[in-house]
Amino acid sequence: MTAPTQPDAQLDLRGVPCPLSFVRAKLRLEKMPAGSLLEVWLDPGEPIEQVPDSLKMAGYDVEQIEDRSNFFALQVRRPALAPVEC
């Protein structure tokens, strides 16, 4: 088993409802350098059900989702080429 990848930054979005949790995660990723890894903490329910898929659709790479009992840790990488907005 490989060691977990150390994130470049963390964002605690526990208690933040959808779609605001997605918007905040996306804004944080947009400020990070290409190739950076962000760890996002999300509540169970709608946030963990919606945010990973929304980030994938926006062009980000969801590398890992870890259940930490009371919340989920989502590791998302900003791609080398930033997603293009239409």
PDB file of N, CA and C in Angstrom:
ATOM      1  N   MET A   1       0.840  -1.177   0.000  1.00  0.00           N
ATOM      2  CA  MET A   1       0.000   0.000   0.000  1.00  0.00           C
ATOM      3  C   MET A   1       0.886   1.240   0.000  1.00  0.00           C
ATOM      4  N   THR A   2       0.565   2.214  -0.833  1.00  0.00           N
ATOM      5  CA  THR A   2       1.367   3.429  -0.913  1.00  0.00           C
ATOM      6  C   THR A   2       0.937   4.427   0.149  1.00  0.00           C
ATOM      7  N   ALA A   3       1.859   5.276   0.529  1.00  0.00           N
ATOM      8  CA  ALA A   3       1.561   6.309   1.512  1.00  0.00           C
ATOM      9  C   ALA A   3       0.642   7.356   0.891  1.00  0.00           C
ATOM     10  N   PRO A   4      -0.257   7.945   1.690  1.00  0.00           N
ATOM     11  CA  PRO A   4      -1.138   8.968   1.148  1.00  0.00           C
ATOM     12  C   PRO A   4      -0.339  10.178   0.671  1.00  0.00           C
ATOM     13  N   THR A   5      -0.818  10.804  -0.371  1.00  0.00           N
ATOM     14  CA  THR A   5      -0.170  11.987  -0.913  1.00  0.00           C
ATOM     15  C   THR A   5      -0.468  13.178  -0.018  1.00  0.00           C
ATOM     16  N   GLN A   6       0.554  13.946   0.302  1.00  0.00           N
ATOM     17  CA  GLN A   6       0.394  15.126   1.141  1.00  0.00           C
ATOM     18  C   GLN A   6      -0.208  16.256   0.305  1.00  0.00           C
ATOM     19  N   PRO A   7      -1.357  16.813   0.709  1.00  0.00           N
ATOM     20  CA  PRO A   7      -1.957  17.897  -0.064  1.00  0.00           C
ATOM     21  C   PRO A   7      -1.154  19.190   0.063  1.00  0.00           C
ATOM     22  N   ASP A   8      -1.265  20.037  -0.951  1.00  0.00           N
ATOM     23  CA  ASP A   8      -0.622  21.352  -0.918  1.00  0.00           C
ATOM     24  C   ASP A   8      -1.419  22.327  -0.061  1.00  0.00           C
ATOM     25  N   ALA A   9      -2.723  22.083   0.067  1.00  0.00           N
ATOM     26  CA  ALA A   9      -3.594  22.950   0.867  1.00  0.00           C
ATOM     27  C   ALA A   9      -4.805  22.148   1.319  1.00  0.00           C
ATOM     28  N   GLN A  10      -5.456  22.636   2.391  1.00  0.00           N
ATOM     29  CA  GLN A  10      -6.684  22.023   2.891  1.00  0.00           C
ATOM     30  C   GLN A  10      -7.775  23.078   2.944  1.00  0.00           C
ATOM     31  N   LEU A  11      -9.019  22.627   2.727  1.00  0.00           N
ATOM     32  CA  LEU A  11     -10.174  23.513   2.783  1.00  0.00           C
ATOM     33  C   LEU A  11     -11.274  22.795   3.551  1.00  0.00           C
ATOM     34  N   ASP A  12     -11.644  23.335   4.703  1.00  0.00           N
ATOM     35  CA  ASP A  12     -12.667  22.729   5.555  1.00  0.00           C
ATOM     36  C   ASP A  12     -14.025  23.319   5.186  1.00  0.00           C
ATOM     37  N   LEU A  13     -14.855  22.518   4.518  1.00  0.00           N
ATOM     38  CA  LEU A  13     -16.185  22.965   4.117  1.00  0.00           C
ATOM     39  C   LEU A  13     -17.282  22.239   4.888  1.00  0.00           C
ATOM     40  N   ARG A  14     -16.935  21.693   6.044  1.00  0.00           N
ATOM     41  CA  ARG A  14     -17.951  21.059   6.882  1.00  0.00           C
ATOM     42  C   ARG A  14     -18.926  22.133   7.344  1.00  0.00           C
ATOM     43  N   GLY A  15     -20.215  21.847   7.224  1.00  0.00           N
ATOM     44  CA  GLY A  15     -21.240  22.804   7.609  1.00  0.00           C
ATOM     45  C   GLY A  15     -21.642  23.745   6.488  1.00  0.00           C
ATOM     46  N   VAL A  16     -20.978  23.655   5.344  1.00  0.00           N
ATOM     47  CA  VAL A  16     -21.298  24.513   4.198  1.00  0.00           C
ATOM     48  C   VAL A  16     -22.212  23.726   3.262  1.00  0.00           C
ATOM     49  N   PRO A  17     -23.415  24.260   2.962  1.00  0.00           N
ATOM     50  CA  PRO A  17     -24.355  23.524   2.112  1.00  0.00           C
ATOM     51  C   PRO A  17     -23.992  23.601   0.630  1.00  0.00           C
ATOM     52  N   CYS A  18     -24.578  22.697  -0.152  1.00  0.00           N
ATOM     53  CA  CYS A  18     -24.472  22.760  -1.614  1.00  0.00           C
ATOM     54  C   CYS A  18     -25.438  23.834  -2.108  1.00  0.00           C
ATOM     55  N   PRO A  19     -25.156  24.518  -3.180  1.00  0.00           N
ATOM     56  CA  PRO A  19     -23.985  24.408  -4.039  1.00  0.00           C
ATOM     57  C   PRO A  19     -22.801  25.256  -3.577  1.00  0.00           C
ATOM     58  N   LEU A  20     -22.935  25.925  -2.430  1.00  0.00           N
ATOM     59  CA  LEU A  20     -21.861  26.798  -1.953  1.00  0.00           C
ATOM     60  C   LEU A  20     -20.569  26.027  -1.700  1.00  0.00           C
ATOM     61  N   SER A  21     -20.663  24.782  -1.253  1.00  0.00           N
ATOM     62  CA  SER A  21     -19.450  23.991  -1.010  1.00  0.00           C
ATOM     63  C   SER A  21     -18.695  23.750  -2.318  1.00  0.00           C
ATOM     64  N   PHE A  22     -19.409  23.476  -3.410  1.00  0.00           N
ATOM     65  CA  PHE A  22     -18.764  23.308  -4.716  1.00  0.00           C
ATOM     66  C   PHE A  22     -18.120  24.614  -5.170  1.00  0.00           C
ATOM     67  N   VAL A  23     -18.833  25.714  -5.041  1.00  0.00           N
ATOM     68  CA  VAL A  23     -18.320  27.018  -5.488  1.00  0.00           C
ATOM     69  C   VAL A  23     -17.046  27.373  -4.733  1.00  0.00           C
ATOM     70  N   ARG A  24     -17.040  27.186  -3.429  1.00  0.00           N
ATOM     71  CA  ARG A  24     -15.844  27.514  -2.633  1.00  0.00           C
ATOM     72  C   ARG A  24     -14.658  26.615  -2.990  1.00  0.00           C
ATOM     73  N   ALA A  25     -14.912  25.329  -3.206  1.00  0.00           N
ATOM     74  CA  ALA A  25     -13.828  24.417  -3.597  1.00  0.00           C
ATOM     75  C   ALA A  25     -13.263  24.823  -4.954  1.00  0.00           C
ATOM     76  N   LYS A  26     -14.126  25.142  -5.897  1.00  0.00           N
ATOM     77  CA  LYS A  26     -13.694  25.526  -7.240  1.00  0.00           C
ATOM     78  C   LYS A  26     -12.894  26.830  -7.203  1.00  0.00           C
ATOM     79  N   LEU A  27     -13.362  27.809  -6.433  1.00  0.00           N
ATOM     80  CA  LEU A  27     -12.633  29.079  -6.320  1.00  0.00           C
ATOM     81  C   LEU A  27     -11.251  28.869  -5.715  1.00  0.00           C
ATOM     82  N   ARG A  28     -11.142  27.995  -4.722  1.00  0.00           N
ATOM     83  CA  ARG A  28      -9.835  27.720  -4.096  1.00  0.00           C
ATOM     84  C   ARG A  28      -8.909  27.036  -5.087  1.00  0.00           C
ATOM     85  N   LEU A  29      -9.425  26.083  -5.850  1.00  0.00           N
ATOM     86  CA  LEU A  29      -8.616  25.393  -6.855  1.00  0.00           C
ATOM     87  C   LEU A  29      -8.131  26.356  -7.933  1.00  0.00           C
ATOM     88  N   GLU A  30      -8.958  27.310  -8.318  1.00  0.00           N
ATOM     89  CA  GLU A  30      -8.579  28.277  -9.351  1.00  0.00           C
ATOM     90  C   GLU A  30      -7.409  29.149  -8.910  1.00  0.00           C
ATOM     91  N   LYS A  31      -7.239  29.341  -7.611  1.00  0.00           N
ATOM     92  CA  LYS A  31      -6.145  30.170  -7.081  1.00  0.00           C
ATOM     93  C   LYS A  31      -4.842  29.391  -6.924  1.00  0.00           C
ATOM     94  N   MET A  32      -4.915  28.071  -7.037  1.00  0.00           N
ATOM     95  CA  MET A  32      -3.737  27.229  -6.815  1.00  0.00           C
ATOM     96  C   MET A  32      -2.959  27.036  -8.112  1.00  0.00           C
ATOM     97  N   PRO A  33      -1.649  26.815  -8.009  1.00  0.00           N
ATOM     98  CA  PRO A  33      -0.846  26.539  -9.214  1.00  0.00           C
ATOM     99  C   PRO A  33      -1.269  25.223  -9.871  1.00  0.00           C
ATOM    100  N   ALA A  34      -1.046  25.135 -11.164  1.00  0.00           N
ATOM    101  CA  ALA A  34      -1.345  23.908 -11.909  1.00  0.00           C
ATOM    102  C   ALA A  34      -0.604  22.729 -11.283  1.00  0.00           C
ATOM    103  N   GLY A  35      -1.280  21.605 -11.169  1.00  0.00           N
ATOM    104  CA  GLY A  35      -0.685  20.401 -10.595  1.00  0.00           C
ATOM    105  C   GLY A  35      -0.808  20.299  -9.086  1.00  0.00           C
ATOM    106  N   SER A  36      -1.325  21.333  -8.424  1.00  0.00           N
ATOM    107  CA  SER A  36      -1.466  21.327  -6.965  1.00  0.00           C
ATOM    108  C   SER A  36      -2.584  20.396  -6.520  1.00  0.00           C
ATOM    109  N   LEU A  37      -2.433  19.884  -5.290  1.00  0.00           N
ATOM    110  CA  LEU A  37      -3.419  18.979  -4.707  1.00  0.00           C
ATOM    111  C   LEU A  37      -4.106  19.666  -3.532  1.00  0.00           C
ATOM    112  N   LEU A  38      -5.433  19.709  -3.585  1.00  0.00           N
ATOM    113  CA  LEU A  38      -6.239  20.315  -2.528  1.00  0.00           C
ATOM    114  C   LEU A  38      -7.021  19.218  -1.820  1.00  0.00           C
ATOM    115  N   GLU A  39      -6.985  19.241  -0.481  1.00  0.00           N
ATOM    116  CA  GLU A  39      -7.818  18.331   0.304  1.00  0.00           C
ATOM    117  C   GLU A  39      -9.010  19.119   0.818  1.00  0.00           C
ATOM    118  N   VAL A  40     -10.207  18.658   0.478  1.00  0.00           N
ATOM    119  CA  VAL A  40     -11.450  19.322   0.860  1.00  0.00           C
ATOM    120  C   VAL A  40     -12.191  18.429   1.845  1.00  0.00           C
ATOM    121  N   TRP A  41     -12.601  19.008   2.965  1.00  0.00           N
ATOM    122  CA  TRP A  41     -13.373  18.263   3.957  1.00  0.00           C
ATOM    123  C   TRP A  41     -14.842  18.573   3.745  1.00  0.00           C
ATOM    124  N   LEU A  42     -15.645  17.518   3.539  1.00  0.00           N
ATOM    125  CA  LEU A  42     -17.067  17.663   3.240  1.00  0.00           C
ATOM    126  C   LEU A  42     -17.918  16.836   4.190  1.00  0.00           C
ATOM    127  N   ASP A  43     -19.128  17.331   4.435  1.00  0.00           N
ATOM    128  CA  ASP A  43     -20.098  16.597   5.241  1.00  0.00           C
ATOM    129  C   ASP A  43     -20.672  15.428   4.450  1.00  0.00           C
ATOM    130  N   PRO A  44     -21.194  14.412   5.176  1.00  0.00           N
ATOM    131  CA  PRO A  44     -21.931  13.347   4.501  1.00  0.00           C
ATOM    132  C   PRO A  44     -23.216  13.924   3.886  1.00  0.00           C
ATOM    133  N   GLY A  45     -23.835  13.148   3.018  1.00  0.00           N
ATOM    134  CA  GLY A  45     -25.081  13.588   2.396  1.00  0.00           C
ATOM    135  C   GLY A  45     -24.821  14.330   1.100  1.00  0.00           C
ATOM    136  N   GLU A  46     -25.590  15.376   0.872  1.00  0.00           N
ATOM    137  CA  GLU A  46     -25.528  16.097  -0.401  1.00  0.00           C
ATOM    138  C   GLU A  46     -24.136  16.610  -0.768  1.00  0.00           C
ATOM    139  N   PRO A  47     -23.356  17.194   0.157  1.00  0.00           N
ATOM    140  CA  PRO A  47     -22.031  17.679  -0.256  1.00  0.00           C
ATOM    141  C   PRO A  47     -21.139  16.587  -0.858  1.00  0.00           C
ATOM    142  N   ILE A  48     -21.007  15.435  -0.191  1.00  0.00           N
ATOM    143  CA  ILE A  48     -20.114  14.395  -0.731  1.00  0.00           C
ATOM    144  C   ILE A  48     -20.741  13.708  -1.940  1.00  0.00           C
ATOM    145  N   GLU A  49     -22.060  13.759  -2.066  1.00  0.00           N
ATOM    146  CA  GLU A  49     -22.726  13.173  -3.233  1.00  0.00           C
ATOM    147  C   GLU A  49     -22.587  14.061  -4.467  1.00  0.00           C
ATOM    148  N   GLN A  50     -22.549  15.381  -4.282  1.00  0.00           N
ATOM    149  CA  GLN A  50     -22.585  16.312  -5.410  1.00  0.00           C
ATOM    150  C   GLN A  50     -21.230  16.919  -5.779  1.00  0.00           C
ATOM    151  N   VAL A  51     -20.444  17.303  -4.800  1.00  0.00           N
ATOM    152  CA  VAL A  51     -19.209  18.057  -5.070  1.00  0.00           C
ATOM    153  C   VAL A  51     -18.200  17.278  -5.920  1.00  0.00           C
ATOM    154  N   PRO A  52     -17.891  16.005  -5.624  1.00  0.00           N
ATOM    155  CA  PRO A  52     -16.912  15.306  -6.470  1.00  0.00           C
ATOM    156  C   PRO A  52     -17.315  15.257  -7.945  1.00  0.00           C
ATOM    157  N   ASP A  53     -18.576  14.934  -8.224  1.00  0.00           N
ATOM    158  CA  ASP A  53     -19.030  14.878  -9.617  1.00  0.00           C
ATOM    159  C   ASP A  53     -18.989  16.253 -10.273  1.00  0.00           C
ATOM    160  N   SER A  54     -19.368  17.283  -9.535  1.00  0.00           N
ATOM    161  CA  SER A  54     -19.344  18.641 -10.086  1.00  0.00           C
ATOM    162  C   SER A  54     -17.922  19.084 -10.404  1.00  0.00           C
ATOM    163  N   LEU A  55     -16.965  18.735  -9.537  1.00  0.00           N
ATOM    164  CA  LEU A  55     -15.567  19.088  -9.803  1.00  0.00           C
ATOM    165  C   LEU A  55     -15.030  18.336 -11.018  1.00  0.00           C
ATOM    166  N   LYS A  56     -15.403  17.060 -11.155  1.00  0.00           N
ATOM    167  CA  LYS A  56     -14.987  16.286 -12.334  1.00  0.00           C
ATOM    168  C   LYS A  56     -15.538  16.921 -13.605  1.00  0.00           C
ATOM    169  N   MET A  57     -16.812  17.320 -13.577  1.00  0.00           N
ATOM    170  CA  MET A  57     -17.424  17.948 -14.750  1.00  0.00           C
ATOM    171  C   MET A  57     -16.769  19.288 -15.076  1.00  0.00           C
ATOM    172  N   ALA A  58     -16.210  19.949 -14.053  1.00  0.00           N
ATOM    173  CA  ALA A  58     -15.523  21.226 -14.257  1.00  0.00           C
ATOM    174  C   ALA A  58     -14.083  21.032 -14.733  1.00  0.00           C
ATOM    175  N   GLY A  59     -13.620  19.771 -14.827  1.00  0.00           N
ATOM    176  CA  GLY A  59     -12.295  19.495 -15.370  1.00  0.00           C
ATOM    177  C   GLY A  59     -11.209  19.212 -14.355  1.00  0.00           C
ATOM    178  N   TYR A  60     -11.573  19.059 -13.082  1.00  0.00           N
ATOM    179  CA  TYR A  60     -10.586  18.764 -12.046  1.00  0.00           C
ATOM    180  C   TYR A  60     -10.476  17.257 -11.835  1.00  0.00           C
ATOM    181  N   ASP A  61      -9.335  16.810 -11.324  1.00  0.00           N
ATOM    182  CA  ASP A  61      -9.065  15.390 -11.114  1.00  0.00           C
ATOM    183  C   ASP A  61      -9.310  15.021  -9.652  1.00  0.00           C
ATOM    184  N   VAL A  62     -10.369  14.272  -9.393  1.00  0.00           N
ATOM    185  CA  VAL A  62     -10.644  13.776  -8.043  1.00  0.00           C
ATOM    186  C   VAL A  62      -9.831  12.502  -7.871  1.00  0.00           C
ATOM    187  N   GLU A  63      -8.811  12.560  -7.015  1.00  0.00           N
ATOM    188  CA  GLU A  63      -7.875  11.444  -6.866  1.00  0.00           C
ATOM    189  C   GLU A  63      -8.257  10.472  -5.764  1.00  0.00           C
ATOM    190  N   GLN A  64      -8.916  10.961  -4.719  1.00  0.00           N
ATOM    191  CA  GLN A  64      -9.219  10.084  -3.586  1.00  0.00           C
ATOM    192  C   GLN A  64     -10.367  10.660  -2.780  1.00  0.00           C
ATOM    193  N   ILE A  65     -11.208   9.767  -2.265  1.00  0.00           N
ATOM    194  CA  ILE A  65     -12.256  10.132  -1.313  1.00  0.00           C
ATOM    195  C   ILE A  65     -12.098   9.199  -0.126  1.00  0.00           C
ATOM    196  N   GLU A  66     -11.889   9.778   1.048  1.00  0.00           N
ATOM    197  CA  GLU A  66     -11.651   8.985   2.260  1.00  0.00           C
ATOM    198  C   GLU A  66     -12.727   9.286   3.296  1.00  0.00           C
ATOM    199  N   ASP A  67     -13.361   8.245   3.807  1.00  0.00           N
ATOM    200  CA  ASP A  67     -14.370   8.374   4.858  1.00  0.00           C
ATOM    201  C   ASP A  67     -13.651   8.469   6.200  1.00  0.00           C
ATOM    202  N   ARG A  68     -13.788   9.595   6.864  1.00  0.00           N
ATOM    203  CA  ARG A  68     -13.136   9.801   8.167  1.00  0.00           C
ATOM    204  C   ARG A  68     -14.161   9.839   9.299  1.00  0.00           C
ATOM    205  N   SER A  69     -15.157   8.999   9.213  1.00  0.00           N
ATOM    206  CA  SER A  69     -16.222   8.828  10.207  1.00  0.00           C
ATOM    207  C   SER A  69     -17.237   9.970  10.195  1.00  0.00           C
ATOM    208  N   ASN A  70     -16.881  11.157  10.659  1.00  0.00           N
ATOM    209  CA  ASN A  70     -17.829  12.270  10.737  1.00  0.00           C
ATOM    210  C   ASN A  70     -17.828  13.157   9.502  1.00  0.00           C
ATOM    211  N   PHE A  71     -16.851  12.979   8.616  1.00  0.00           N
ATOM    212  CA  PHE A  71     -16.768  13.780   7.397  1.00  0.00           C
ATOM    213  C   PHE A  71     -15.968  13.009   6.359  1.00  0.00           C
ATOM    214  N   PHE A  72     -15.921  13.542   5.159  1.00  0.00           N
ATOM    215  CA  PHE A  72     -15.156  12.936   4.072  1.00  0.00           C
ATOM    216  C   PHE A  72     -14.025  13.867   3.667  1.00  0.00           C
ATOM    217  N   ALA A  73     -12.868  13.287   3.359  1.00  0.00           N
ATOM    218  CA  ALA A  73     -11.721  14.042   2.851  1.00  0.00           C
ATOM    219  C   ALA A  73     -11.591  13.718   1.366  1.00  0.00           C
ATOM    220  N   LEU A  74     -11.707  14.739   0.554  1.00  0.00           N
ATOM    221  CA  LEU A  74     -11.663  14.614  -0.897  1.00  0.00           C
ATOM    222  C   LEU A  74     -10.364  15.234  -1.388  1.00  0.00           C
ATOM    223  N   GLN A  75      -9.555  14.473  -2.125  1.00  0.00           N
ATOM    224  CA  GLN A  75      -8.319  15.027  -2.683  1.00  0.00           C
ATOM    225  C   GLN A  75      -8.540  15.320  -4.159  1.00  0.00           C
ATOM    226  N   VAL A  76      -8.352  16.589  -4.519  1.00  0.00           N
ATOM    227  CA  VAL A  76      -8.604  17.065  -5.877  1.00  0.00           C
ATOM    228  C   VAL A  76      -7.356  17.751  -6.398  1.00  0.00           C
ATOM    229  N   ARG A  77      -6.967  17.404  -7.618  1.00  0.00           N
ATOM    230  CA  ARG A  77      -5.784  18.008  -8.229  1.00  0.00           C
ATOM    231  C   ARG A  77      -6.202  18.963  -9.335  1.00  0.00           C
ATOM    232  N   ARG A  78      -5.571  20.133  -9.314  1.00  0.00           N
ATOM    233  CA  ARG A  78      -5.772  21.063 -10.417  1.00  0.00           C
ATOM    234  C   ARG A  78      -4.920  20.561 -11.579  1.00  0.00           C
ATOM    235  N   PRO A  79      -5.521  20.373 -12.751  1.00  0.00           N
ATOM    236  CA  PRO A  79      -4.751  19.840 -13.880  1.00  0.00           C
ATOM    237  C   PRO A  79      -3.679  20.809 -14.353  1.00  0.00           C
ATOM    238  N   ALA A  80      -2.710  20.272 -15.090  1.00  0.00           N
ATOM    239  CA  ALA A  80      -1.618  21.097 -15.620  1.00  0.00           C
ATOM    240  C   ALA A  80      -2.166  22.213 -16.492  1.00  0.00           C
ATOM    241  N   LEU A  81      -3.181  21.901 -17.274  1.00  0.00           N
ATOM    242  CA  LEU A  81      -3.857  22.924 -18.062  1.00  0.00           C
ATOM    243  C   LEU A  81      -5.172  23.217 -17.367  1.00  0.00           C
ATOM    244  N   ALA A  82      -5.356  24.467 -16.953  1.00  0.00           N
ATOM    245  CA  ALA A  82      -6.558  24.837 -16.224  1.00  0.00           C
ATOM    246  C   ALA A  82      -7.792  24.652 -17.100  1.00  0.00           C
ATOM    247  N   PRO A  83      -8.906  24.215 -16.498  1.00  0.00           N
ATOM    248  CA  PRO A  83     -10.146  24.070 -17.254  1.00  0.00           C
ATOM    249  C   PRO A  83     -10.556  25.395 -17.887  1.00  0.00           C
ATOM    250  N   VAL A  84     -11.109  25.313 -19.077  1.00  0.00           N
ATOM    251  CA  VAL A  84     -11.534  26.504 -19.813  1.00  0.00           C
ATOM    252  C   VAL A  84     -13.001  26.751 -19.540  1.00  0.00           C
ATOM    253  N   GLU A  85     -13.329  27.985 -19.176  1.00  0.00           N
ATOM    254  CA  GLU A  85     -14.717  28.360 -18.951  1.00  0.00           C
ATOM    255  C   GLU A  85     -15.358  28.736 -20.274  1.00  0.00           C
ATOM    256  N   CYS A  86     -16.593  28.321 -20.468  1.00  0.00           N
ATOM    257  CA  CYS A  86     -17.325  28.669 -21.697  1.00  0.00           C
ATOM    258  C   CYS A  86     -18.168  29.894 -21.473  1.00  0.00           C
TER     259      CYS A  86
END
